[in-house]
N, C-alpha and C. Protein backbone atom coordinates (compact mmCIF):
# COMPACT_ATOMS: atom_id res chain seq x y z
N MET A 1 25.43 33.05 -42.78
CA MET A 1 25.16 34.42 -42.01
C MET A 1 23.85 34.26 -41.59
N VAL A 2 23.05 33.28 -42.08
CA VAL A 2 21.72 33.32 -40.61
C VAL A 2 21.79 32.60 -39.48
N VAL A 3 22.64 31.18 -40.16
CA VAL A 3 23.29 30.86 -38.95
C VAL A 3 24.04 31.82 -37.95
N LEU A 4 24.59 32.55 -38.19
CA LEU A 4 25.44 33.56 -37.25
C LEU A 4 24.70 34.34 -36.85
N GLY A 5 23.48 35.36 -37.67
CA GLY A 5 22.58 35.75 -37.32
C GLY A 5 21.48 35.29 -36.22
N LEU A 6 21.00 34.38 -36.23
CA LEU A 6 20.57 34.21 -35.43
C LEU A 6 20.85 33.20 -34.18
N GLY A 7 22.12 32.90 -34.24
CA GLY A 7 22.70 31.85 -32.89
C GLY A 7 22.94 33.42 -31.90
N ASN A 8 23.76 34.32 -32.68
CA ASN A 8 24.21 35.16 -31.38
C ASN A 8 22.73 36.33 -30.59
N VAL A 9 21.78 36.54 -31.73
CA VAL A 9 20.62 37.11 -31.14
C VAL A 9 19.92 36.21 -30.21
N VAL A 10 19.53 35.02 -30.42
CA VAL A 10 18.63 34.04 -29.39
C VAL A 10 19.52 33.87 -28.23
N GLY A 11 21.08 33.65 -28.42
CA GLY A 11 22.12 33.60 -27.19
C GLY A 11 22.02 34.58 -26.07
N ILE A 12 21.84 36.17 -26.76
CA ILE A 12 21.31 36.78 -26.06
C ILE A 12 20.89 37.00 -25.60
N LEU A 13 19.65 36.49 -26.43
CA LEU A 13 17.79 36.38 -25.37
C LEU A 13 17.66 36.05 -24.47
N VAL A 14 17.85 34.50 -24.54
CA VAL A 14 18.66 34.02 -23.59
C VAL A 14 19.43 33.71 -22.53
N ALA A 15 20.08 34.78 -22.78
CA ALA A 15 21.73 34.84 -21.48
C ALA A 15 20.55 35.94 -20.38
N GLY A 16 20.46 36.93 -21.33
CA GLY A 16 19.68 37.90 -20.33
C GLY A 16 18.60 37.44 -19.42
N PHE A 17 17.43 36.23 -20.27
CA PHE A 17 16.78 35.50 -19.00
C PHE A 17 17.84 34.74 -18.07
N ALA A 18 18.67 34.44 -17.99
CA ALA A 18 19.62 33.93 -17.35
C ALA A 18 20.24 34.74 -16.34
N LEU A 19 20.38 36.04 -16.54
CA LEU A 19 20.64 36.51 -15.82
C LEU A 19 19.72 37.01 -14.82
N ARG A 20 18.62 37.36 -15.16
CA ARG A 20 16.87 37.96 -14.38
C ARG A 20 17.51 36.52 -13.06
N VAL A 21 17.90 35.45 -13.02
CA VAL A 21 17.26 34.40 -12.34
C VAL A 21 18.34 33.95 -11.40
N GLY A 22 20.07 34.28 -12.21
CA GLY A 22 20.87 33.96 -11.75
C GLY A 22 22.18 35.20 -11.40
N LYS A 23 22.91 34.74 -10.96
CA LYS A 23 24.60 35.58 -10.43
C LYS A 23 25.14 35.93 -11.57
N VAL A 24 25.64 36.93 -12.22
CA VAL A 24 26.40 37.04 -12.79
C VAL A 24 28.00 36.01 -13.09
N GLY A 25 28.46 36.28 -11.81
CA GLY A 25 29.68 35.10 -10.99
C GLY A 25 29.30 33.70 -11.85
N VAL A 26 28.03 33.02 -11.88
CA VAL A 26 27.43 31.78 -12.48
C VAL A 26 27.13 31.69 -13.37
N VAL A 27 26.67 32.97 -14.38
CA VAL A 27 26.15 32.64 -15.72
C VAL A 27 27.34 33.10 -16.82
N ALA A 28 28.08 34.26 -16.20
CA ALA A 28 29.18 34.68 -17.27
C ALA A 28 30.44 33.61 -17.62
N PRO A 29 30.54 32.92 -16.47
CA PRO A 29 31.54 31.74 -16.97
C PRO A 29 30.86 30.61 -17.73
N ILE A 30 29.47 30.33 -17.80
CA ILE A 30 29.19 29.19 -18.54
C ILE A 30 29.11 29.45 -19.60
N LEU A 31 28.73 31.40 -20.29
CA LEU A 31 28.45 31.78 -21.58
C LEU A 31 30.08 31.79 -22.02
N ALA A 32 31.22 31.46 -21.48
CA ALA A 32 32.69 31.98 -21.80
C ALA A 32 32.89 30.62 -22.00
N THR A 33 31.72 29.27 -21.84
CA THR A 33 32.36 28.18 -22.90
C THR A 33 32.07 27.91 -24.83
N GLU A 34 31.71 29.50 -24.89
CA GLU A 34 30.99 29.19 -25.93
C GLU A 34 31.93 28.52 -27.17
N GLY A 35 33.59 28.76 -27.06
CA GLY A 35 34.52 28.30 -27.25
C GLY A 35 34.68 26.83 -27.60
N ALA A 36 34.77 26.21 -26.66
CA ALA A 36 34.47 24.78 -26.12
C ALA A 36 33.36 24.19 -26.86
N ILE A 37 32.37 24.79 -27.36
CA ILE A 37 31.13 24.48 -27.91
C ILE A 37 31.32 24.25 -29.00
N ALA A 38 31.99 24.91 -29.62
CA ALA A 38 32.09 25.45 -31.39
C ALA A 38 33.22 24.41 -31.57
N ALA A 39 34.11 24.03 -30.76
CA ALA A 39 35.18 23.10 -31.20
C ALA A 39 33.94 21.40 -30.90
N VAL A 40 33.54 21.52 -30.12
CA VAL A 40 32.23 20.33 -30.43
C VAL A 40 31.71 20.27 -32.07
N ILE A 41 31.18 21.63 -31.76
CA ILE A 41 30.15 21.21 -33.10
C ILE A 41 31.28 21.16 -34.46
N ALA A 42 32.70 21.17 -34.30
CA ALA A 42 33.36 21.35 -35.64
C ALA A 42 33.94 19.48 -35.78
N ALA A 43 34.15 19.17 -34.15
CA ALA A 43 34.30 17.91 -34.34
C ALA A 43 33.01 16.66 -34.76
N ILE A 44 31.78 17.16 -34.56
CA ILE A 44 30.86 16.88 -34.57
C ILE A 44 30.51 16.38 -36.27
N LEU A 45 31.11 17.81 -36.92
CA LEU A 45 30.84 17.76 -38.33
C LEU A 45 31.99 17.42 -39.31
N GLY A 46 33.08 16.56 -38.52
CA GLY A 46 34.29 16.22 -39.37
C GLY A 46 35.47 15.97 -38.18
N GLU A 47 35.84 17.24 -38.06
CA GLU A 47 37.12 17.94 -37.91
C GLU A 47 37.47 16.62 -36.15
N SER A 48 38.93 16.10 -36.33
CA SER A 48 39.15 15.07 -35.49
C SER A 48 39.75 16.23 -34.32
N ILE A 49 39.58 15.41 -33.08
CA ILE A 49 39.28 15.79 -31.57
C ILE A 49 40.54 15.24 -30.67
N ALA A 50 41.41 16.03 -30.11
CA ALA A 50 42.49 14.89 -29.61
C ALA A 50 41.81 14.66 -28.31
N PRO A 51 42.55 13.47 -27.97
CA PRO A 51 42.33 13.02 -26.48
C PRO A 51 41.92 14.04 -24.99
N LEU A 52 43.16 14.94 -25.51
CA LEU A 52 43.14 16.08 -24.51
C LEU A 52 41.78 16.51 -23.89
N VAL A 53 42.05 17.21 -25.75
CA VAL A 53 41.09 18.09 -25.77
C VAL A 53 39.31 17.57 -25.56
N GLY A 54 39.04 16.48 -25.38
CA GLY A 54 37.96 15.38 -25.06
C GLY A 54 37.98 15.68 -23.41
N PHE A 55 39.26 15.53 -22.63
CA PHE A 55 38.98 15.64 -21.34
C PHE A 55 39.11 16.69 -20.61
N LEU A 56 39.41 18.32 -21.63
CA LEU A 56 39.30 19.09 -21.18
C LEU A 56 37.74 19.48 -20.94
N LEU A 57 37.26 19.07 -22.13
CA LEU A 57 35.37 19.48 -22.43
C LEU A 57 34.82 18.68 -21.34
N LEU A 58 35.15 17.66 -21.01
CA LEU A 58 34.78 16.80 -19.40
C LEU A 58 35.25 17.77 -18.84
N VAL A 59 36.16 18.27 -18.60
CA VAL A 59 36.37 19.05 -17.26
C VAL A 59 35.77 20.45 -17.31
N ILE A 60 35.10 21.29 -18.25
CA ILE A 60 34.46 22.34 -18.22
C ILE A 60 32.66 21.82 -17.95
N VAL A 61 32.06 20.58 -18.73
CA VAL A 61 31.34 20.05 -17.94
C VAL A 61 31.01 19.85 -16.54
N GLY A 62 32.34 19.97 -16.37
CA GLY A 62 31.99 19.26 -14.09
C GLY A 62 32.26 20.31 -13.83
N GLY A 63 32.86 21.59 -14.05
CA GLY A 63 32.48 22.83 -13.75
C GLY A 63 30.88 23.84 -13.46
N ILE A 64 30.69 23.38 -14.90
CA ILE A 64 28.81 23.94 -15.10
C ILE A 64 28.18 22.51 -13.74
N VAL A 65 28.15 21.51 -14.01
CA VAL A 65 27.63 20.83 -12.64
C VAL A 65 27.72 21.50 -11.45
N ILE A 66 29.10 21.76 -11.11
CA ILE A 66 29.23 22.13 -9.63
C ILE A 66 28.81 23.16 -9.21
N SER A 67 28.81 24.14 -10.49
CA SER A 67 28.22 25.63 -10.12
C SER A 67 26.73 25.70 -9.93
N ALA A 68 25.77 24.34 -11.27
CA ALA A 68 24.43 24.16 -11.20
C ALA A 68 24.05 24.09 -8.98
N ILE A 69 24.95 23.07 -8.87
CA ILE A 69 24.22 21.96 -7.70
C ILE A 69 24.81 22.67 -6.48
N ALA A 70 26.14 23.75 -6.71
CA ALA A 70 26.55 24.44 -5.46
C ALA A 70 25.16 24.96 -4.59
N PRO A 71 25.62 25.11 -3.38
CA PRO A 71 24.79 25.89 -2.47
C PRO A 71 25.01 27.65 -2.66
N ASP A 72 24.31 28.29 -2.22
CA ASP A 72 24.54 29.50 -2.61
C ASP A 72 24.11 30.18 -0.98
N PRO A 73 25.30 30.51 -0.57
CA PRO A 73 25.04 31.53 0.90
C PRO A 73 24.34 33.34 0.77
N GLU A 74 24.15 33.20 0.00
CA GLU A 74 23.43 34.75 -0.33
C GLU A 74 22.86 34.99 -1.60
N PRO A 75 21.63 33.62 -1.59
CA PRO A 75 21.46 34.15 -2.96
C PRO A 75 19.62 35.48 -2.85
N LEU A 76 20.12 36.00 -4.43
CA LEU A 76 18.95 36.98 -4.96
C LEU A 76 17.66 36.59 -4.72
N ALA A 77 17.05 37.97 -4.41
CA ALA A 77 15.50 37.76 -4.27
C ALA A 77 14.56 36.92 -5.25
N GLN A 78 15.25 36.29 -6.41
CA GLN A 78 14.44 35.34 -7.82
C GLN A 78 14.72 34.91 -7.84
N GLU A 79 16.12 34.26 -7.38
CA GLU A 79 17.15 32.99 -7.88
C GLU A 79 16.92 32.52 -8.33
N ARG A 80 17.49 31.90 -9.14
CA ARG A 80 16.61 30.51 -9.34
C ARG A 80 18.14 29.47 -10.15
N PRO A 81 19.00 28.86 -9.55
CA PRO A 81 20.53 28.49 -9.15
C PRO A 81 20.60 27.82 -10.56
N VAL A 82 19.60 26.64 -10.62
CA VAL A 82 19.86 25.55 -11.47
C VAL A 82 19.15 26.29 -12.55
N TYR A 83 17.76 26.45 -13.03
CA TYR A 83 17.36 26.89 -14.55
C TYR A 83 18.32 28.51 -14.73
N ALA A 84 19.36 29.31 -13.67
CA ALA A 84 20.34 30.09 -14.67
C ALA A 84 21.23 28.86 -15.13
N VAL A 85 21.90 27.98 -14.60
CA VAL A 85 22.51 27.44 -15.31
C VAL A 85 22.29 26.66 -16.41
N VAL A 86 21.12 26.09 -16.59
CA VAL A 86 19.98 25.69 -17.60
C VAL A 86 19.92 26.71 -18.70
N LEU A 87 19.68 27.88 -18.61
CA LEU A 87 19.86 29.01 -19.12
C LEU A 87 20.96 29.78 -19.86
N SER A 88 21.64 29.39 -19.37
CA SER A 88 23.48 29.76 -19.62
C SER A 88 24.03 28.94 -20.78
N THR A 89 23.59 27.68 -20.06
CA THR A 89 23.89 26.59 -21.26
C THR A 89 23.21 26.79 -22.65
N ILE A 90 21.82 26.94 -22.78
CA ILE A 90 21.63 26.89 -24.11
C ILE A 90 22.44 28.37 -24.91
N ALA A 91 22.11 29.03 -24.17
CA ALA A 91 22.53 30.57 -24.33
C ALA A 91 24.47 30.27 -24.70
N ALA A 92 24.89 29.70 -24.59
CA ALA A 92 26.50 29.61 -24.58
C ALA A 92 26.35 28.49 -25.87
N ALA A 93 25.48 27.24 -25.86
CA ALA A 93 25.66 26.64 -26.81
C ALA A 93 24.73 27.81 -28.40
N CYS A 94 24.23 28.23 -28.28
CA CYS A 94 23.54 29.58 -29.56
C CYS A 94 25.05 29.95 -29.84
N PHE A 95 25.82 30.55 -28.79
CA PHE A 95 26.67 31.61 -28.58
C PHE A 95 27.82 30.73 -29.61
N GLY A 96 28.00 29.30 -29.24
CA GLY A 96 28.89 28.43 -29.64
C GLY A 96 28.32 28.10 -31.29
N LEU A 97 27.24 28.09 -31.64
CA LEU A 97 27.11 27.84 -32.77
C LEU A 97 27.24 28.99 -34.26
N SER A 98 27.04 30.20 -33.12
CA SER A 98 27.59 31.29 -33.95
C SER A 98 28.79 31.98 -34.21
N LEU A 99 29.65 31.20 -33.09
CA LEU A 99 31.15 31.45 -33.45
C LEU A 99 31.71 30.10 -34.35
N PHE A 100 31.30 29.14 -34.19
CA PHE A 100 31.74 28.26 -34.85
C PHE A 100 31.32 29.15 -37.17
N ALA A 101 29.56 29.44 -36.71
CA ALA A 101 29.57 30.05 -38.04
C ALA A 101 30.35 31.07 -38.61
N ALA A 102 30.87 32.07 -37.74
CA ALA A 102 31.71 33.14 -37.66
C ALA A 102 33.07 32.96 -38.47
N GLY A 103 33.49 31.76 -37.52
CA GLY A 103 34.93 31.23 -38.23
C GLY A 103 34.86 30.99 -39.63
N ASN A 104 33.92 30.19 -40.09
CA ASN A 104 33.88 29.91 -41.35
C ASN A 104 33.72 30.74 -42.24
N LEU A 105 32.81 31.99 -42.05
CA LEU A 105 32.56 33.09 -42.75
C LEU A 105 33.66 33.55 -42.47
N SER A 106 34.51 33.72 -41.58
CA SER A 106 35.53 35.13 -42.04
C SER A 106 36.32 34.78 -42.45
N ASN A 107 36.58 33.56 -43.20
CA ASN A 107 37.84 33.28 -44.07
C ASN A 107 37.47 33.92 -45.67
N ASP A 108 36.02 33.79 -45.99
CA ASP A 108 35.47 33.96 -47.30
C ASP A 108 35.09 35.74 -47.16
N VAL A 109 34.70 36.42 -46.27
CA VAL A 109 34.15 37.94 -46.61
C VAL A 109 34.88 38.86 -45.46
N PRO A 110 35.19 39.30 -46.08
CA PRO A 110 35.48 40.78 -44.86
C PRO A 110 34.56 41.43 -43.57
N ILE A 111 35.65 41.82 -42.44
CA ILE A 111 34.93 41.96 -41.35
C ILE A 111 33.45 42.14 -41.20
N PRO A 112 33.53 43.56 -41.83
CA PRO A 112 31.81 43.79 -41.88
C PRO A 112 30.61 43.14 -41.86
N TRP A 113 30.93 42.34 -43.03
CA TRP A 113 29.94 41.00 -43.08
C TRP A 113 29.95 40.14 -42.40
N VAL A 114 30.95 40.03 -41.32
CA VAL A 114 30.59 39.13 -40.38
C VAL A 114 29.64 39.60 -39.18
N LEU A 115 29.71 41.09 -39.52
CA LEU A 115 29.85 42.16 -38.10
C LEU A 115 27.83 42.10 -38.32
N LEU A 116 27.53 41.97 -39.65
CA LEU A 116 26.15 42.38 -40.29
C LEU A 116 25.17 41.59 -39.58
N PRO A 117 24.95 39.96 -39.86
CA PRO A 117 24.22 39.29 -39.58
C PRO A 117 23.63 39.37 -38.56
N ALA A 118 24.09 39.05 -37.24
CA ALA A 118 23.57 39.54 -35.93
C ALA A 118 23.03 40.58 -35.83
N ARG A 119 23.26 41.79 -36.10
CA ARG A 119 22.88 43.76 -36.14
C ARG A 119 21.99 43.39 -36.86
N LEU A 120 21.78 42.60 -38.00
CA LEU A 120 20.37 42.68 -38.91
C LEU A 120 19.38 41.97 -38.35
N THR A 121 19.76 40.88 -37.81
CA THR A 121 18.61 39.79 -36.82
C THR A 121 17.55 40.62 -36.20
N GLY A 122 18.90 41.53 -35.26
CA GLY A 122 18.48 41.91 -33.75
C GLY A 122 17.25 43.04 -34.55
N VAL A 123 17.86 43.56 -35.88
CA VAL A 123 16.25 45.06 -35.54
C VAL A 123 15.16 44.54 -36.34
N LEU A 124 15.76 43.40 -37.70
CA LEU A 124 14.30 42.37 -37.89
C LEU A 124 13.25 42.21 -37.00
N PHE A 125 13.68 41.22 -35.92
CA PHE A 125 12.96 40.59 -35.11
C PHE A 125 12.79 40.70 -33.94
N ILE A 126 13.68 41.69 -33.31
CA ILE A 126 13.61 42.25 -32.14
C ILE A 126 13.27 43.90 -32.48
N LEU A 127 14.22 44.69 -32.80
CA LEU A 127 13.56 46.16 -32.49
C LEU A 127 12.41 46.45 -33.26
N LEU A 128 12.13 46.08 -35.01
CA LEU A 128 11.02 46.40 -35.27
C LEU A 128 9.48 45.49 -34.19
N PRO A 129 9.87 44.55 -34.48
CA PRO A 129 8.23 44.15 -33.47
C PRO A 129 8.01 44.76 -32.42
N LEU A 130 9.31 45.06 -31.54
CA LEU A 130 9.08 45.76 -30.54
C LEU A 130 8.23 47.47 -30.79
N LEU A 131 8.64 47.94 -31.63
CA LEU A 131 8.25 49.20 -32.34
C LEU A 131 6.87 49.19 -32.66
N VAL A 132 6.45 47.73 -33.46
CA VAL A 132 5.42 47.96 -33.74
C VAL A 132 4.14 47.72 -33.21
N THR A 133 4.71 46.89 -31.84
CA THR A 133 3.51 46.44 -30.66
C THR A 133 4.11 47.58 -29.67
N ARG A 134 4.39 48.76 -29.63
CA ARG A 134 4.81 50.08 -28.99
C ARG A 134 5.28 49.20 -27.46
N ARG A 135 6.00 47.80 -27.54
CA ARG A 135 6.36 47.81 -26.23
C ARG A 135 7.95 47.57 -26.14
N LEU A 136 8.27 48.66 -26.38
CA LEU A 136 9.88 49.31 -26.28
C LEU A 136 9.65 50.16 -25.11
N LYS A 137 10.50 49.65 -23.92
CA LYS A 137 10.40 50.62 -22.97
C LYS A 137 11.55 50.72 -22.38
N LEU A 138 12.02 52.36 -22.39
CA LEU A 138 13.66 52.21 -22.13
C LEU A 138 13.63 53.61 -21.24
N THR A 139 14.22 53.77 -20.40
CA THR A 139 14.18 54.71 -19.39
C THR A 139 15.31 55.28 -19.23
N ARG A 140 15.54 56.55 -18.65
CA ARG A 140 16.55 57.33 -18.92
C ARG A 140 17.86 56.42 -18.18
N SER A 141 17.51 55.65 -16.99
CA SER A 141 19.18 55.10 -16.69
C SER A 141 19.21 53.89 -17.58
N THR A 142 18.22 53.34 -18.78
CA THR A 142 18.70 52.24 -19.35
C THR A 142 19.23 52.17 -20.24
N VAL A 143 18.98 53.36 -21.11
CA VAL A 143 19.37 53.91 -22.25
C VAL A 143 21.12 53.83 -22.04
N PRO A 144 22.04 54.28 -21.39
CA PRO A 144 23.53 54.23 -21.41
C PRO A 144 23.80 53.36 -21.28
N LEU A 145 23.01 52.39 -20.53
CA LEU A 145 23.15 50.88 -20.76
C LEU A 145 23.23 49.87 -22.12
N VAL A 146 21.85 50.24 -22.91
CA VAL A 146 21.92 49.31 -23.93
C VAL A 146 22.85 49.96 -25.39
N VAL A 147 22.44 51.53 -24.99
CA VAL A 147 24.08 51.45 -25.75
C VAL A 147 25.21 51.51 -25.84
N GLY A 148 25.77 51.17 -24.87
CA GLY A 148 27.08 50.74 -24.21
C GLY A 148 26.98 49.91 -24.48
N MET A 149 26.24 48.46 -24.14
CA MET A 149 26.29 47.20 -24.62
C MET A 149 26.58 46.72 -25.91
N GLY A 150 25.82 47.62 -26.81
CA GLY A 150 26.22 47.55 -28.82
C GLY A 150 27.61 48.03 -29.23
N PHE A 151 27.87 49.25 -28.38
CA PHE A 151 29.16 49.36 -29.18
C PHE A 151 30.19 48.32 -28.35
N THR A 152 30.13 47.95 -27.20
CA THR A 152 30.96 47.17 -26.63
C THR A 152 31.50 45.66 -27.22
N GLU A 153 29.86 45.26 -27.73
CA GLU A 153 30.04 44.08 -28.03
C GLU A 153 30.74 43.90 -29.31
N VAL A 154 30.17 45.19 -30.85
CA VAL A 154 30.91 45.32 -31.70
C VAL A 154 32.42 45.42 -31.62
N ILE A 155 33.01 46.36 -31.06
CA ILE A 155 34.25 46.93 -30.64
C ILE A 155 35.29 45.72 -30.42
N GLY A 156 34.44 44.37 -28.70
CA GLY A 156 35.19 43.17 -28.99
C GLY A 156 35.11 42.43 -29.58
N PHE A 157 34.20 42.27 -30.67
CA PHE A 157 34.23 41.18 -31.86
C PHE A 157 35.09 41.61 -33.27
N VAL A 158 35.44 43.16 -33.42
CA VAL A 158 36.28 43.48 -34.35
C VAL A 158 37.50 43.50 -33.46
N CYS A 159 38.11 43.68 -32.64
CA CYS A 159 39.45 43.36 -31.75
C CYS A 159 39.51 41.92 -31.53
N TYR A 160 38.70 41.16 -31.26
CA TYR A 160 38.61 39.36 -31.56
C TYR A 160 39.36 39.61 -32.97
N SER A 161 38.48 39.50 -33.97
CA SER A 161 38.93 38.66 -35.58
C SER A 161 40.47 39.82 -35.84
N ILE A 162 40.64 41.31 -35.49
CA ILE A 162 41.46 41.14 -35.42
C ILE A 162 42.90 40.74 -35.11
N GLY A 163 43.08 40.65 -33.96
CA GLY A 163 43.96 39.80 -32.91
C GLY A 163 44.11 38.10 -33.47
N ALA A 164 43.20 37.59 -33.69
CA ALA A 164 42.96 36.77 -33.98
C ALA A 164 43.72 36.17 -35.86
N GLN A 165 43.76 37.37 -36.29
CA GLN A 165 44.87 37.47 -37.87
C GLN A 165 46.27 37.19 -37.27
N TYR A 166 46.58 37.51 -36.24
CA TYR A 166 47.89 37.26 -35.79
C TYR A 166 48.57 35.87 -34.85
N GLN A 167 47.44 36.08 -33.77
CA GLN A 167 47.72 34.67 -32.75
C GLN A 167 46.43 34.47 -32.26
N VAL A 168 45.66 32.98 -32.54
CA VAL A 168 44.33 32.95 -32.26
C VAL A 168 44.56 32.33 -31.14
N ALA A 169 45.38 31.56 -30.36
CA ALA A 169 45.17 30.94 -28.92
C ALA A 169 45.23 31.93 -27.96
N ILE A 170 46.45 33.19 -28.23
CA ILE A 170 46.28 34.03 -27.14
C ILE A 170 45.11 34.95 -27.31
N THR A 171 44.77 35.46 -28.54
CA THR A 171 43.67 36.53 -28.29
C THR A 171 42.49 35.38 -27.98
N SER A 172 42.29 34.06 -28.11
CA SER A 172 40.68 33.40 -27.28
C SER A 172 41.38 33.22 -25.60
N VAL A 173 42.37 33.27 -25.68
CA VAL A 173 42.49 32.80 -23.82
C VAL A 173 42.24 34.41 -23.71
N LEU A 174 42.80 35.63 -24.09
CA LEU A 174 42.38 36.60 -23.30
C LEU A 174 41.21 36.70 -23.57
N ALA A 175 40.46 36.78 -24.66
CA ALA A 175 38.86 37.22 -24.71
C ALA A 175 37.82 36.16 -23.98
N SER A 176 38.55 35.15 -23.58
CA SER A 176 37.22 34.19 -22.71
C SER A 176 37.82 34.46 -21.35
N GLN A 177 38.60 35.36 -20.77
CA GLN A 177 38.56 36.48 -19.46
C GLN A 177 37.76 37.01 -19.33
N PHE A 178 36.57 37.42 -20.06
CA PHE A 178 35.66 38.38 -19.82
C PHE A 178 34.86 37.36 -18.78
N ALA A 179 35.19 36.38 -18.39
CA ALA A 179 34.39 35.70 -17.19
C ALA A 179 34.58 35.99 -16.44
N PRO A 180 35.73 35.92 -16.02
CA PRO A 180 36.20 36.42 -14.16
C PRO A 180 36.53 37.60 -13.97
N ILE A 181 36.40 38.50 -15.13
CA ILE A 181 36.26 40.36 -15.01
C ILE A 181 34.67 40.28 -14.73
N ALA A 182 33.78 39.69 -15.59
CA ALA A 182 32.42 40.64 -15.04
C ALA A 182 31.88 39.69 -13.54
N ALA A 183 32.79 38.60 -13.41
CA ALA A 183 32.29 37.95 -12.08
C ALA A 183 33.04 38.77 -10.80
N VAL A 184 34.01 39.86 -10.88
CA VAL A 184 34.83 40.60 -10.29
C VAL A 184 33.91 41.69 -10.56
N ALA A 185 33.24 42.55 -11.50
CA ALA A 185 32.98 43.29 -11.21
C ALA A 185 31.34 43.24 -10.67
N ALA A 186 30.60 42.27 -10.86
CA ALA A 186 28.99 42.01 -10.04
C ALA A 186 29.63 42.02 -8.77
N TYR A 187 30.73 41.50 -8.02
CA TYR A 187 31.24 41.30 -6.67
C TYR A 187 31.18 42.84 -5.99
N PHE A 188 31.44 43.88 -7.09
CA PHE A 188 32.00 44.97 -6.65
C PHE A 188 30.46 45.84 -6.71
N LEU A 189 29.76 46.05 -8.06
CA LEU A 189 28.96 46.55 -8.47
C LEU A 189 27.48 46.50 -8.03
N PHE A 190 27.31 44.53 -8.12
CA PHE A 190 26.42 44.56 -7.69
C PHE A 190 25.95 43.79 -6.14
N LYS A 191 27.43 43.41 -5.07
CA LYS A 191 27.71 43.06 -3.92
C LYS A 191 27.31 41.50 -3.82
N GLU A 192 27.18 41.23 -4.97
CA GLU A 192 27.16 39.44 -5.48
C GLU A 192 27.79 38.49 -3.99
N ARG A 193 27.66 37.94 -3.48
CA ARG A 193 28.59 36.93 -3.33
C ARG A 193 28.67 35.40 -3.82
N LEU A 194 29.35 34.52 -3.66
CA LEU A 194 29.67 33.04 -4.33
C LEU A 194 29.68 32.21 -3.07
N GLY A 195 29.27 31.32 -3.03
CA GLY A 195 29.94 30.22 -1.70
C GLY A 195 31.56 29.61 -2.38
N ARG A 196 31.77 28.83 -1.81
CA ARG A 196 32.94 28.35 -1.93
C ARG A 196 32.54 27.11 -3.10
N LEU A 197 31.88 26.47 -2.87
CA LEU A 197 31.79 25.52 -4.11
C LEU A 197 31.62 26.48 -5.67
N GLN A 198 30.78 27.42 -4.97
CA GLN A 198 30.41 27.99 -6.42
C GLN A 198 31.93 28.69 -7.15
N ILE A 199 32.22 28.84 -5.98
CA ILE A 199 33.97 29.50 -6.91
C ILE A 199 34.63 28.42 -7.30
N LEU A 200 34.53 27.61 -6.99
CA LEU A 200 35.69 26.24 -7.61
C LEU A 200 34.78 25.62 -8.58
N GLY A 201 33.42 25.52 -8.55
CA GLY A 201 32.95 25.53 -9.99
C GLY A 201 33.20 26.51 -11.26
N VAL A 202 33.43 27.67 -10.68
CA VAL A 202 33.87 28.92 -11.69
C VAL A 202 35.39 28.71 -12.11
N VAL A 203 35.98 28.72 -10.82
CA VAL A 203 37.64 28.53 -11.18
C VAL A 203 38.08 27.37 -12.27
N ILE A 204 37.27 26.08 -12.07
CA ILE A 204 37.11 24.86 -13.35
C ILE A 204 36.84 25.05 -14.78
N LEU A 205 35.57 25.77 -14.97
CA LEU A 205 35.31 26.32 -15.93
C LEU A 205 35.99 27.29 -16.67
N VAL A 206 36.91 28.68 -16.08
CA VAL A 206 37.55 29.04 -16.52
C VAL A 206 39.05 28.63 -16.72
N ALA A 207 39.14 27.79 -16.10
CA ALA A 207 40.89 27.09 -16.21
C ALA A 207 40.93 25.99 -17.57
N GLY A 208 39.20 25.47 -17.28
CA GLY A 208 39.47 24.48 -18.13
C GLY A 208 38.84 24.94 -19.58
N VAL A 209 38.45 26.36 -19.92
CA VAL A 209 38.00 26.84 -21.13
C VAL A 209 39.24 27.62 -22.06
N THR A 210 40.29 28.00 -20.84
CA THR A 210 41.19 28.11 -20.80
C THR A 210 42.59 27.48 -21.31
N ALA A 211 42.70 26.35 -20.91
CA ALA A 211 43.54 25.33 -21.15
C ALA A 211 42.85 24.54 -22.72
N LEU A 212 41.41 24.39 -23.13
CA LEU A 212 41.28 24.07 -24.09
C LEU A 212 41.71 24.98 -25.31
N THR A 213 41.51 26.20 -25.10
CA THR A 213 42.10 27.71 -25.56
C THR A 213 43.22 26.96 -26.46
N VAL A 214 44.58 26.78 -25.48
CA VAL A 214 45.33 26.68 -25.59
C VAL A 214 45.87 25.09 -26.33
N ALA A 215 45.42 24.03 -25.96
CA ALA A 215 45.37 22.73 -26.61
C ALA A 215 45.09 23.13 -27.81
N SER A 216 44.04 23.85 -28.38
CA SER A 216 43.17 24.25 -29.73
C SER A 216 44.43 24.76 -30.35
C-alpha cells in the first residue's frame, strides 16, 4: 500500500512538471507505457517473460527515443522536449510501480482499500504541507480543473478495476488509449502541432503498448 500510494502521487507530480515543458501529444503516450513498465517489474521479480513481450518492450523504447529526438515544427514558448521525455519516463516508471503494487493488492483487499493509499498520501504529503505553509494557490479557473481531475482519476481507476474482473486484456487496451485521446484533445484545445517524426514516435508507442497488452 505504501508503494502504491507513493508511486501514484510522485508519478502525478513528475508528470505535471513534464507537461510544463512538453506537449501533451508527446508526454501522454509515454505515460501510457506504465503497463509495460509494470510487466518489466513483474519479470524482474521472477515472472517469466515471452520473447514477443521482450520485442514489444524494445519497440516501445524505440517510440520513446524517436519522440525525444524528433524535431518540433512548432515548439511551445518554454518547451524542452528531451527534458519532457525524461520526466515522462520517470513518471511512467512511478506509475508502473504503483500499478504493479495495485495488481497484487487487488487480489487481497476490496477496491476501496486499493483507492485509499494514493488519496491518503496526497493529503498527507502534498495538501497538508501546502496548507500549513500557506502556499496553496487556486484561482476560480483552476478549481474546476483540479476537482475534475480528482474525480475522473478515481472514477477511471474504479471502472478499470471492475472491467478487469471480466476481461483484463480488453480493459487494459482500451484504458491505454487515453494517450491518443489526450493528444487529439490537445490538438483542438491547445492548438498543439506535432511533426511527422513525433507523430511516428507516438504511433509506435501506442501500437507497442496495445500489442503488449494483448500479448500479455
